[in-house]
């Protein structure tokens, strides 16, 4: 999922007055995904869902997974290390592994909270959803606290949440509820240094002009109103 796909899905939403936006962010997801329990969970999931894996040899897959995630060796100076827990950051399997492992837990959560969480998406370690707020503040606080607790029940992986509100920052978008519809504009972090290729670079001219056109098109596609692009 990227920002363009996210916006397409958000644009289809029609929200009720008691529905607000929420986000969640996994704390150091890669390093906190414990290898052994996640291997166990994924193996059990594969075996119990054989019908979903007809395109591959599941026995070979089950044997291969430990070879990949238990074999992270690296060198620092003259020191050789073996990372025993968590996928190696920067390796190709790390993002899908982070997505898949927690998705096993998510399936149970989403079934339980479907009535109060009618919309939910996650991009690796960042999630966004629509929370249906109960009219009774005490009931809302109890439900919200229980949901957050459920999210934390995955082998020590913890999440940081934003409270349900009309506006959230997610990925590179500021997302707002206006008259029951979603409006978006570009979100830029305060630390953004805007380190674009300078015009005197030796890159082909098409690369430089493509960078400008690409950013203009990005702003135009992701901003609900043209005035947001200025």
Protein backbone atom coordinates (compact mmCIF):
# COMPACT_ATOMS: atom_id res chain seq x y z
CA UNK A 1 0.00 0.00 0.00
CA UNK A 2 1.23 3.49 -0.85
CA UNK A 3 -0.29 6.95 -0.39
CA UNK A 4 -2.12 6.80 -3.71
CA UNK A 5 -3.82 3.51 -2.87
CA UNK A 6 -4.62 4.78 0.63
CA UNK A 7 -6.28 7.90 -0.77
CA UNK A 8 -8.38 5.83 -3.19
CA UNK A 9 -9.74 3.81 -0.28
CA UNK A 10 -10.26 6.83 1.96
CA UNK A 11 -12.18 8.64 -0.76
CA UNK A 12 -14.86 5.91 -0.71
CA UNK A 13 -15.66 6.44 2.98
CA UNK A 14 -18.79 8.18 4.21
CA UNK A 15 -18.46 8.61 7.96
CA UNK A 16 -21.08 8.94 10.65
CA UNK A 17 -20.90 11.82 13.19
CA UNK A 18 -19.57 9.47 15.88
CA UNK A 19 -16.76 8.05 13.72
CA UNK A 20 -13.25 9.44 14.13
CA UNK A 21 -9.78 8.71 12.77
CA UNK A 22 -7.07 6.88 14.73
CA UNK A 23 -3.52 5.77 13.99
CA UNK A 24 -1.10 3.31 15.57
CA UNK A 25 2.64 2.90 15.24
CA UNK A 26 4.62 -0.20 16.24
CA UNK A 27 7.58 0.56 18.48
CA UNK A 28 10.81 -0.62 16.75
CA UNK A 29 8.87 -3.35 14.98
CA UNK A 30 11.72 -5.21 13.29
CA UNK A 31 13.89 -5.56 16.38
CA UNK A 32 10.92 -6.45 18.60
CA UNK A 33 9.54 -9.25 16.42
CA UNK A 34 10.81 -12.21 18.41
CA UNK A 35 12.06 -14.85 15.99
CA UNK A 36 11.11 -18.14 17.68
CA UNK A 37 7.47 -17.43 18.64
CA UNK A 38 6.81 -15.83 15.26
CA UNK A 39 8.28 -18.81 13.42
CA UNK A 40 6.00 -21.05 15.48
CA UNK A 41 2.91 -18.94 14.73
CA UNK A 42 3.62 -18.68 11.00
CA UNK A 43 4.32 -22.42 10.73
CA UNK A 44 1.03 -23.25 12.45
CA UNK A 45 -0.80 -20.76 10.25
CA UNK A 46 0.63 -22.28 7.06
CA UNK A 47 -0.27 -25.82 8.12
CA UNK A 48 -3.82 -24.87 9.10
CA UNK A 49 -4.39 -22.88 5.89
CA UNK A 50 -2.97 -25.24 3.28
CA UNK A 51 -5.68 -24.22 0.81
CA UNK A 52 -4.14 -20.74 0.64
CA UNK A 53 -0.70 -22.05 -0.32
CA UNK A 54 -1.43 -24.31 -3.27
CA UNK A 55 1.05 -22.33 -5.36
CA UNK A 56 4.04 -23.55 -3.32
CA UNK A 57 5.45 -26.54 -1.45
CA UNK A 58 4.51 -25.73 2.14
CA UNK A 59 6.95 -28.25 3.61
CA UNK A 60 9.85 -26.61 1.78
CA UNK A 61 8.60 -23.19 2.89
CA UNK A 62 8.40 -24.27 6.53
CA UNK A 63 11.96 -25.60 6.38
CA UNK A 64 13.26 -22.47 4.62
CA UNK A 65 11.84 -19.90 7.06
CA UNK A 66 14.09 -20.86 10.01
CA UNK A 67 17.12 -20.92 7.71
CA UNK A 68 16.45 -17.31 6.76
CA UNK A 69 15.46 -15.85 10.12
CA UNK A 70 17.92 -17.75 12.34
CA UNK A 71 20.93 -17.06 10.11
CA UNK A 72 21.57 -13.36 10.52
CA UNK A 73 25.32 -13.00 10.96
CA UNK A 74 27.16 -9.72 10.58
CA UNK A 75 30.60 -8.23 11.17
CA UNK A 76 31.43 -5.00 13.00
CA UNK A 77 35.14 -4.26 12.89
CA UNK A 78 36.80 -7.50 14.01
CA UNK A 79 33.68 -8.60 15.91
CA UNK A 80 31.39 -11.25 14.43
CA UNK A 81 27.79 -11.27 15.71
CA UNK A 82 24.74 -13.49 15.44
CA UNK A 83 21.36 -11.75 15.74
CA UNK A 84 19.15 -14.26 17.54
CA UNK A 85 15.89 -12.33 17.58
CA UNK A 86 14.17 -10.04 15.11
CA UNK A 87 14.58 -9.96 11.31
CA UNK A 88 17.69 -8.30 9.93
CA UNK A 89 16.86 -4.75 8.90
CA UNK A 90 17.59 -4.09 5.25
CA UNK A 91 17.09 -7.67 4.10
CA UNK A 92 14.36 -8.32 1.48
CA UNK A 93 12.24 -10.64 3.70
CA UNK A 94 12.04 -8.18 6.61
CA UNK A 95 9.08 -6.01 5.43
CA UNK A 96 6.81 -8.91 4.36
CA UNK A 97 7.78 -10.83 7.52
CA UNK A 98 6.77 -7.86 9.68
CA UNK A 99 3.53 -7.53 7.74
CA UNK A 100 2.61 -11.21 7.81
CA UNK A 101 3.50 -12.13 11.38
CA UNK A 102 1.37 -9.44 13.04
CA UNK A 103 -1.42 -10.03 10.50
CA UNK A 104 -2.02 -13.41 12.15
CA UNK A 105 -2.84 -11.56 15.36
CA UNK A 106 -4.71 -8.82 13.49
CA UNK A 107 -7.19 -11.29 11.99
CA UNK A 108 -8.47 -12.10 15.48
CA UNK A 109 -8.51 -8.45 16.57
CA UNK A 110 -10.43 -7.22 13.54
CA UNK A 111 -13.08 -9.90 13.94
CA UNK A 112 -13.58 -8.90 17.57
CA UNK A 113 -13.69 -5.15 16.96
CA UNK A 114 -15.38 -5.00 13.54
CA UNK A 115 -18.44 -3.11 14.86
CA UNK A 116 -16.29 -0.38 16.37
CA UNK A 117 -13.51 -0.43 13.76
CA UNK A 118 -15.28 -0.44 10.37
CA UNK A 119 -12.14 0.65 8.51
CA UNK A 120 -8.54 -0.38 9.20
CA UNK A 121 -5.36 -0.57 7.13
CA UNK A 122 -1.73 -1.17 8.06
CA UNK A 123 1.47 -0.47 6.15
CA UNK A 124 4.12 -2.61 7.90
CA UNK A 125 4.40 -0.79 11.26
CA UNK A 126 1.90 2.05 10.72
CA UNK A 127 -1.85 1.57 10.98
CA UNK A 128 -4.86 3.81 10.39
CA UNK A 129 -8.49 3.20 11.15
CA UNK A 130 -11.92 4.66 11.78
CA UNK A 131 -13.13 4.26 15.35
CA UNK A 132 -16.85 4.37 16.20
CA UNK A 133 -17.08 6.37 19.44
CA UNK A 134 -19.76 5.38 21.94
CA UNK A 135 -22.06 8.17 23.15
CA UNK A 136 -21.17 7.32 26.76
CA UNK A 137 -17.63 8.62 27.46
CA UNK A 138 -17.03 5.94 30.09
CA UNK A 139 -17.99 3.16 27.66
CA UNK A 140 -15.80 4.69 24.95
CA UNK A 141 -12.77 4.85 27.25
CA UNK A 142 -13.29 1.23 28.34
CA UNK A 143 -13.64 -0.01 24.75
CA UNK A 144 -10.71 2.02 23.49
CA UNK A 145 -8.45 0.84 26.32
CA UNK A 146 -9.42 -2.79 25.70
CA UNK A 147 -8.70 -2.49 21.98
CA UNK A 148 -5.27 -1.00 22.64
CA UNK A 149 -4.54 -3.78 25.12
CA UNK A 150 -5.53 -6.41 22.54
CA UNK A 151 -3.10 -4.91 20.03
CA UNK A 152 -0.27 -5.26 22.53
CA UNK A 153 -0.76 -9.01 23.01
CA UNK A 154 1.82 -10.24 20.51
CA UNK A 155 5.03 -11.48 22.09
CA UNK A 156 6.19 -8.17 23.51
CA UNK A 157 5.51 -6.00 20.45
CA UNK A 158 4.12 -2.65 21.64
CA UNK A 159 2.15 0.04 19.82
CA UNK A 160 1.75 3.79 20.25
CA UNK A 161 -1.71 5.18 19.45
CA UNK A 162 -3.19 8.56 18.63
CA UNK A 163 -6.52 9.23 20.28
CA UNK A 164 -9.54 9.20 17.89
CA UNK A 165 -9.90 12.65 16.34
CA UNK A 166 -11.05 14.50 13.23
CA UNK A 167 -7.50 14.93 11.89
CA UNK A 168 -4.45 12.65 11.82
CA UNK A 169 -1.06 12.61 10.12
CA UNK A 170 -0.36 9.30 8.43
CA UNK A 171 2.49 8.46 6.06
CA UNK A 172 2.87 11.62 3.94
CA UNK A 173 -0.76 12.74 4.33
CA UNK A 174 -2.71 14.91 6.71
CA UNK A 175 -6.14 13.30 6.75
CA UNK A 176 -9.24 15.12 7.99
CA UNK A 177 -12.97 14.49 8.32
CA UNK A 178 -15.03 17.29 6.79
CA UNK A 179 -18.84 16.90 6.64
CA UNK A 180 -18.58 13.13 6.83
CA UNK A 181 -16.06 12.85 3.98
CA UNK A 182 -12.29 12.48 3.99
CA UNK A 183 -10.06 15.33 2.84
CA UNK A 184 -6.30 14.99 2.41
CA UNK A 185 -3.31 17.23 1.96
CA UNK A 186 0.47 16.72 2.05
CA UNK A 187 2.09 16.17 5.44
CA UNK A 188 5.75 17.10 5.80
CA UNK A 189 7.79 16.41 8.92
CA UNK A 190 9.50 19.35 10.56
CA UNK A 191 12.84 17.52 10.13
CA UNK A 192 12.42 17.34 6.34
CA UNK A 193 15.58 18.81 4.77
CA UNK A 194 14.19 18.83 1.19
CA UNK A 195 17.43 17.38 -0.19
CA UNK A 196 16.49 17.29 -3.86
CA UNK A 197 18.94 16.88 -6.74
CA UNK A 198 20.37 20.36 -7.54
CA UNK A 199 20.05 21.73 -11.09
CA UNK A 200 23.85 21.65 -11.62
CA UNK A 201 23.92 17.87 -11.00
CA UNK A 202 25.38 15.63 -13.71
CA UNK A 203 22.14 13.67 -13.91
CA UNK A 204 20.41 13.68 -17.34
CA UNK A 205 18.12 16.68 -17.76
CA UNK A 206 15.11 14.37 -17.96
CA UNK A 207 15.77 13.19 -14.41
CA UNK A 208 15.67 16.75 -13.08
CA UNK A 209 12.50 17.74 -14.92
CA UNK A 210 10.96 14.39 -14.02
CA UNK A 211 11.58 15.12 -10.36
CA UNK A 212 9.66 18.39 -10.63
CA UNK A 213 6.78 16.92 -12.62
CA UNK A 214 6.63 13.94 -10.29
CA UNK A 215 6.27 16.13 -7.23
CA UNK A 216 3.63 18.31 -8.90
CA UNK A 217 1.62 15.24 -9.90
CA UNK A 218 2.00 13.81 -6.40
CA UNK A 219 0.63 17.00 -4.84
CA UNK A 220 -2.22 17.13 -7.35
CA UNK A 221 -3.27 13.49 -6.80
CA UNK A 222 -2.96 13.47 -3.02
CA UNK A 223 -4.53 16.85 -2.20
CA UNK A 224 -8.32 16.97 -2.11
CA UNK A 225 -8.46 20.65 -3.09
CA UNK A 226 -6.25 22.45 -5.57
CA UNK A 227 -5.64 25.23 -3.03
CA UNK A 228 -3.81 22.72 -0.84
CA UNK A 229 -1.20 22.35 -3.59
CA UNK A 230 -0.05 25.98 -3.38
